[in-house]
């Protein structure tokens, strides 16, 4: 009898799980990665950053939400003798755009310029560690350029060891 009651209690829970649609972003999460980079004048790296952003839930746009912010961050560290050459760069996109990448399930590669920190050594050819992050946020846009929540966002981060060429 106890087994029958326990089994019957499970049926509504299973039905609820089957009725709730899976989130497309959860099935195919946002990704970001850095590729091999090119060096100019020993202080400027061009880092190709590839972002893949799945579409947001389409019901968000019917509720009045729109894309209000995109963000890409790149941090480079490279051994240089007994020191570390460092640099970072950040890109923001706000309405009306242009947007750095599309949240349509495809991949977009953006070349990000990273300058070496003048307090440290310059970059050089060889390997470097590049950490990247990206995010996209939907919210309620305001007429003066800001936005307010409730918001929906996606984000990703990665660390890649890449080759720096001159």
Foldseek 3Di string as FASTA:
>chain_A
DVVVVVVVVVVVVVVVVVPDDDFPCVVPPKEKDWEAWEDDPLFKIWIKMKIFAADGDVVVVVVQKDWAKKKKKKWKWDDDPPDIWIWIDMDMAGPPDDDQDDNHRDMDIDTDMIGTDPVDGGHDWFKMKMKMKMKIKIAHADPVGHGDDPMDMGMYMDIDIYTYYD
